[in-house]
């Protein structure tokens, strides 16, 4: 039996594939789908903020009682939107030792929080313990609490 006579079904080839190229294609398609879904959640939430207690156009009457997003659904949409964005953005950024993350302020209590950024480096346990020993003299000093 040669390879030309065996034809894979769609399900075998594209759903349960072990080929890295097909898996990459699956990841890309699902990422685009969830990007669109997360964007849709964000648009409904923005509509609710911009026009409170008004019907949401097009999908409002299909999805919500009276076409208006209730407070508990707003919170659910916020949680779903955040979860989807974490998977889309942070999963691909998984870091290894010696690499770092850019971190940003997540509070929305005033202006300019988007500029409050820091950098976190992932270190090995031995490097962390060496740093603790180096910083021990500063930790033991008393009466130097400036903050």
C-alpha atoms as a PDB file:
ATOM      1  CA  UNK A   1       0.000   0.000   0.000  1.00  0.00           C
ATOM      2  CA  UNK A   2       1.558   3.297  -1.046  1.00  0.00           C
ATOM      3  CA  UNK A   3       1.008   6.737   0.462  1.00  0.00           C
ATOM      4  CA  UNK A   4      -0.995   8.007  -2.516  1.00  0.00           C
ATOM      5  CA  UNK A   5      -3.830   5.570  -1.862  1.00  0.00           C
ATOM      6  CA  UNK A   6      -4.330   6.695   1.746  1.00  0.00           C
ATOM      7  CA  UNK A   7      -6.257   9.943   2.034  1.00  0.00           C
ATOM      8  CA  UNK A   8      -6.605  11.635   5.420  1.00  0.00           C
ATOM      9  CA  UNK A   9     -10.018  12.925   6.391  1.00  0.00           C
ATOM     10  CA  UNK A  10     -10.520  16.600   7.230  1.00  0.00           C
ATOM     11  CA  UNK A  11     -10.942  15.781  10.917  1.00  0.00           C
ATOM     12  CA  UNK A  12      -7.775  13.672  11.046  1.00  0.00           C
ATOM     13  CA  UNK A  13      -5.700  16.217   9.144  1.00  0.00           C
ATOM     14  CA  UNK A  14      -6.897  19.528  10.623  1.00  0.00           C
ATOM     15  CA  UNK A  15      -8.492  18.784  14.008  1.00  0.00           C
ATOM     16  CA  UNK A  16      -6.263  16.031  15.452  1.00  0.00           C
ATOM     17  CA  UNK A  17      -3.101  16.918  13.567  1.00  0.00           C
ATOM     18  CA  UNK A  18       0.393  16.371  14.921  1.00  0.00           C
ATOM     19  CA  UNK A  19       2.007  18.351  12.098  1.00  0.00           C
ATOM     20  CA  UNK A  20       3.591  21.533  13.469  1.00  0.00           C
ATOM     21  CA  UNK A  21       2.552  23.550  10.401  1.00  0.00           C
ATOM     22  CA  UNK A  22      -1.110  22.615  10.817  1.00  0.00           C
ATOM     23  CA  UNK A  23      -0.947  23.278  14.575  1.00  0.00           C
ATOM     24  CA  UNK A  24       0.500  26.736  13.824  1.00  0.00           C
ATOM     25  CA  UNK A  25      -2.366  27.342  11.404  1.00  0.00           C
ATOM     26  CA  UNK A  26      -4.877  26.209  14.048  1.00  0.00           C
ATOM     27  CA  UNK A  27      -3.319  28.575  16.595  1.00  0.00           C
ATOM     28  CA  UNK A  28      -3.461  31.463  14.124  1.00  0.00           C
ATOM     29  CA  UNK A  29      -7.101  30.862  13.201  1.00  0.00           C
ATOM     30  CA  UNK A  30      -8.203  30.459  16.829  1.00  0.00           C
ATOM     31  CA  UNK A  31      -6.240  33.567  17.818  1.00  0.00           C
ATOM     32  CA  UNK A  32      -8.042  35.600  15.163  1.00  0.00           C
ATOM     33  CA  UNK A  33     -11.399  34.172  16.248  1.00  0.00           C
ATOM     34  CA  UNK A  34     -10.801  35.009  19.911  1.00  0.00           C
ATOM     35  CA  UNK A  35      -9.395  38.419  18.973  1.00  0.00           C
ATOM     36  CA  UNK A  36     -12.676  39.161  17.196  1.00  0.00           C
ATOM     37  CA  UNK A  37     -14.680  37.786  20.126  1.00  0.00           C
ATOM     38  CA  UNK A  38     -12.675  39.825  22.670  1.00  0.00           C
ATOM     39  CA  UNK A  39     -13.107  42.915  20.493  1.00  0.00           C
ATOM     40  CA  UNK A  40     -16.866  42.309  20.366  1.00  0.00           C
ATOM     41  CA  UNK A  41     -17.026  42.046  24.166  1.00  0.00           C
ATOM     42  CA  UNK A  42     -15.053  45.268  24.487  1.00  0.00           C
ATOM     43  CA  UNK A  43     -17.353  47.081  22.030  1.00  0.00           C
ATOM     44  CA  UNK A  44     -20.481  46.046  23.965  1.00  0.00           C
ATOM     45  CA  UNK A  45     -18.855  47.208  27.219  1.00  0.00           C
ATOM     46  CA  UNK A  46     -17.837  50.535  25.643  1.00  0.00           C
ATOM     47  CA  UNK A  47     -21.365  51.034  24.332  1.00  0.00           C
ATOM     48  CA  UNK A  48     -22.724  50.481  27.830  1.00  0.00           C
ATOM     49  CA  UNK A  49     -20.304  53.061  29.258  1.00  0.00           C
ATOM     50  CA  UNK A  50     -21.011  55.626  26.541  1.00  0.00           C
ATOM     51  CA  UNK A  51     -24.792  55.192  26.464  1.00  0.00           C
ATOM     52  CA  UNK A  52     -26.025  53.780  29.782  1.00  0.00           C
ATOM     53  CA  UNK A  53     -29.540  52.337  29.910  1.00  0.00           C
ATOM     54  CA  UNK A  54     -29.964  52.367  26.120  1.00  0.00           C
ATOM     55  CA  UNK A  55     -30.425  49.356  23.880  1.00  0.00           C
ATOM     56  CA  UNK A  56     -27.304  47.918  22.323  1.00  0.00           C
ATOM     57  CA  UNK A  57     -27.686  47.994  18.531  1.00  0.00           C
ATOM     58  CA  UNK A  58     -27.870  44.826  16.416  1.00  0.00           C
ATOM     59  CA  UNK A  59     -27.117  42.188  19.096  1.00  0.00           C
ATOM     60  CA  UNK A  60     -28.775  43.790  22.119  1.00  0.00           C
ATOM     61  CA  UNK A  61     -32.252  42.398  21.558  1.00  0.00           C
ATOM     62  CA  UNK A  62     -30.827  38.973  20.672  1.00  0.00           C
ATOM     63  CA  UNK A  63     -28.632  38.585  23.739  1.00  0.00           C
ATOM     64  CA  UNK A  64     -29.984  40.717  26.582  1.00  0.00           C
ATOM     65  CA  UNK A  65     -33.350  41.189  28.205  1.00  0.00           C
ATOM     66  CA  UNK A  66     -34.702  44.473  26.887  1.00  0.00           C
ATOM     67  CA  UNK A  67     -31.542  44.903  24.803  1.00  0.00           C
ATOM     68  CA  UNK A  68     -29.675  46.452  27.771  1.00  0.00           C
ATOM     69  CA  UNK A  69     -26.527  45.016  29.337  1.00  0.00           C
ATOM     70  CA  UNK A  70     -27.133  44.320  33.039  1.00  0.00           C
ATOM     71  CA  UNK A  71     -24.416  45.067  35.638  1.00  0.00           C
ATOM     72  CA  UNK A  72     -23.684  41.389  36.284  1.00  0.00           C
ATOM     73  CA  UNK A  73     -23.333  40.717  32.551  1.00  0.00           C
ATOM     74  CA  UNK A  74     -21.027  43.742  32.282  1.00  0.00           C
ATOM     75  CA  UNK A  75     -18.770  42.191  34.940  1.00  0.00           C
ATOM     76  CA  UNK A  76     -18.895  38.819  33.159  1.00  0.00           C
ATOM     77  CA  UNK A  77     -17.959  40.464  29.864  1.00  0.00           C
ATOM     78  CA  UNK A  78     -15.061  42.236  31.577  1.00  0.00           C
ATOM     79  CA  UNK A  79     -13.762  38.961  33.007  1.00  0.00           C
ATOM     80  CA  UNK A  80     -14.117  37.129  29.674  1.00  0.00           C
ATOM     81  CA  UNK A  81     -12.472  39.990  27.762  1.00  0.00           C
ATOM     82  CA  UNK A  82      -9.554  40.056  30.215  1.00  0.00           C
ATOM     83  CA  UNK A  83      -9.072  36.294  30.090  1.00  0.00           C
ATOM     84  CA  UNK A  84      -9.065  36.240  26.295  1.00  0.00           C
ATOM     85  CA  UNK A  85      -6.575  39.095  26.110  1.00  0.00           C
ATOM     86  CA  UNK A  86      -4.274  37.356  28.594  1.00  0.00           C
ATOM     87  CA  UNK A  87      -4.278  34.199  26.480  1.00  0.00           C
ATOM     88  CA  UNK A  88      -3.716  36.122  23.260  1.00  0.00           C
ATOM     89  CA  UNK A  89      -0.996  38.397  24.584  1.00  0.00           C
ATOM     90  CA  UNK A  90       0.772  36.720  27.483  1.00  0.00           C
ATOM     91  CA  UNK A  91       0.800  33.049  26.564  1.00  0.00           C
ATOM     92  CA  UNK A  92       3.026  33.735  23.568  1.00  0.00           C
ATOM     93  CA  UNK A  93       5.362  35.749  25.814  1.00  0.00           C
ATOM     94  CA  UNK A  94       6.265  32.895  28.163  1.00  0.00           C
ATOM     95  CA  UNK A  95       9.745  33.702  29.403  1.00  0.00           C
ATOM     96  CA  UNK A  96      12.672  31.580  30.465  1.00  0.00           C
ATOM     97  CA  UNK A  97      15.363  32.260  33.036  1.00  0.00           C
ATOM     98  CA  UNK A  98      17.492  35.271  32.202  1.00  0.00           C
ATOM     99  CA  UNK A  99      14.707  36.957  30.257  1.00  0.00           C
ATOM    100  CA  UNK A 100      12.229  39.521  31.479  1.00  0.00           C
ATOM    101  CA  UNK A 101       8.754  40.993  31.380  1.00  0.00           C
ATOM    102  CA  UNK A 102       7.650  44.550  30.937  1.00  0.00           C
ATOM    103  CA  UNK A 103       5.048  45.247  33.608  1.00  0.00           C
ATOM    104  CA  UNK A 104       2.560  48.096  33.708  1.00  0.00           C
ATOM    105  CA  UNK A 105       0.220  49.637  36.247  1.00  0.00           C
ATOM    106  CA  UNK A 106      -3.202  47.980  36.047  1.00  0.00           C
ATOM    107  CA  UNK A 107      -5.087  50.535  38.130  1.00  0.00           C
ATOM    108  CA  UNK A 108      -7.501  52.912  36.454  1.00  0.00           C
ATOM    109  CA  UNK A 109      -7.753  55.482  39.231  1.00  0.00           C
ATOM    110  CA  UNK A 110      -6.302  58.501  37.460  1.00  0.00           C
ATOM    111  CA  UNK A 111      -4.364  59.933  34.557  1.00  0.00           C
ATOM    112  CA  UNK A 112      -1.075  58.650  33.161  1.00  0.00           C
ATOM    113  CA  UNK A 113      -1.187  55.095  34.497  1.00  0.00           C
ATOM    114  CA  UNK A 114      -0.198  53.884  31.033  1.00  0.00           C
ATOM    115  CA  UNK A 115       3.219  55.484  31.634  1.00  0.00           C
ATOM    116  CA  UNK A 116       3.808  53.674  34.931  1.00  0.00           C
ATOM    117  CA  UNK A 117       5.921  50.776  33.714  1.00  0.00           C
ATOM    118  CA  UNK A 118       8.606  48.575  35.158  1.00  0.00           C
ATOM    119  CA  UNK A 119      10.728  45.634  34.141  1.00  0.00           C
ATOM    120  CA  UNK A 120      10.869  42.254  35.854  1.00  0.00           C
ATOM    121  CA  UNK A 121      13.708  39.819  35.147  1.00  0.00           C
ATOM    122  CA  UNK A 122      13.321  36.090  35.622  1.00  0.00           C
ATOM    123  CA  UNK A 123      16.357  34.720  37.453  1.00  0.00           C
ATOM    124  CA  UNK A 124      17.412  31.273  38.595  1.00  0.00           C
ATOM    125  CA  UNK A 125      17.066  30.359  42.257  1.00  0.00           C
ATOM    126  CA  UNK A 126      20.845  30.473  42.799  1.00  0.00           C
ATOM    127  CA  UNK A 127      21.052  33.992  41.313  1.00  0.00           C
ATOM    128  CA  UNK A 128      18.160  35.089  43.535  1.00  0.00           C
ATOM    129  CA  UNK A 129      19.834  33.688  46.669  1.00  0.00           C
ATOM    130  CA  UNK A 130      23.096  35.437  45.737  1.00  0.00           C
ATOM    131  CA  UNK A 131      21.194  38.707  45.339  1.00  0.00           C
ATOM    132  CA  UNK A 132      19.538  38.210  48.758  1.00  0.00           C
ATOM    133  CA  UNK A 133      22.948  37.747  50.381  1.00  0.00           C
ATOM    134  CA  UNK A 134      24.196  40.885  48.659  1.00  0.00           C
ATOM    135  CA  UNK A 135      21.178  42.883  49.841  1.00  0.00           C
ATOM    136  CA  UNK A 136      21.178  41.436  53.389  1.00  0.00           C
ATOM    137  CA  UNK A 137      23.139  44.363  54.823  1.00  0.00           C
ATOM    138  CA  UNK A 138      20.452  46.788  53.653  1.00  0.00           C
ATOM    139  CA  UNK A 139      17.660  44.639  55.035  1.00  0.00           C
ATOM    140  CA  UNK A 140      19.198  44.465  58.515  1.00  0.00           C
ATOM    141  CA  UNK A 141      19.558  48.221  58.988  1.00  0.00           C
ATOM    142  CA  UNK A 142      16.857  49.604  61.238  1.00  0.00           C
ATOM    143  CA  UNK A 143      15.331  53.064  61.346  1.00  0.00           C
ATOM    144  CA  UNK A 144      15.918  53.695  57.661  1.00  0.00           C
ATOM    145  CA  UNK A 145      12.298  53.364  56.499  1.00  0.00           C
ATOM    146  CA  UNK A 146      11.833  56.321  54.178  1.00  0.00           C
ATOM    147  CA  UNK A 147       8.537  55.241  52.752  1.00  0.00           C
END
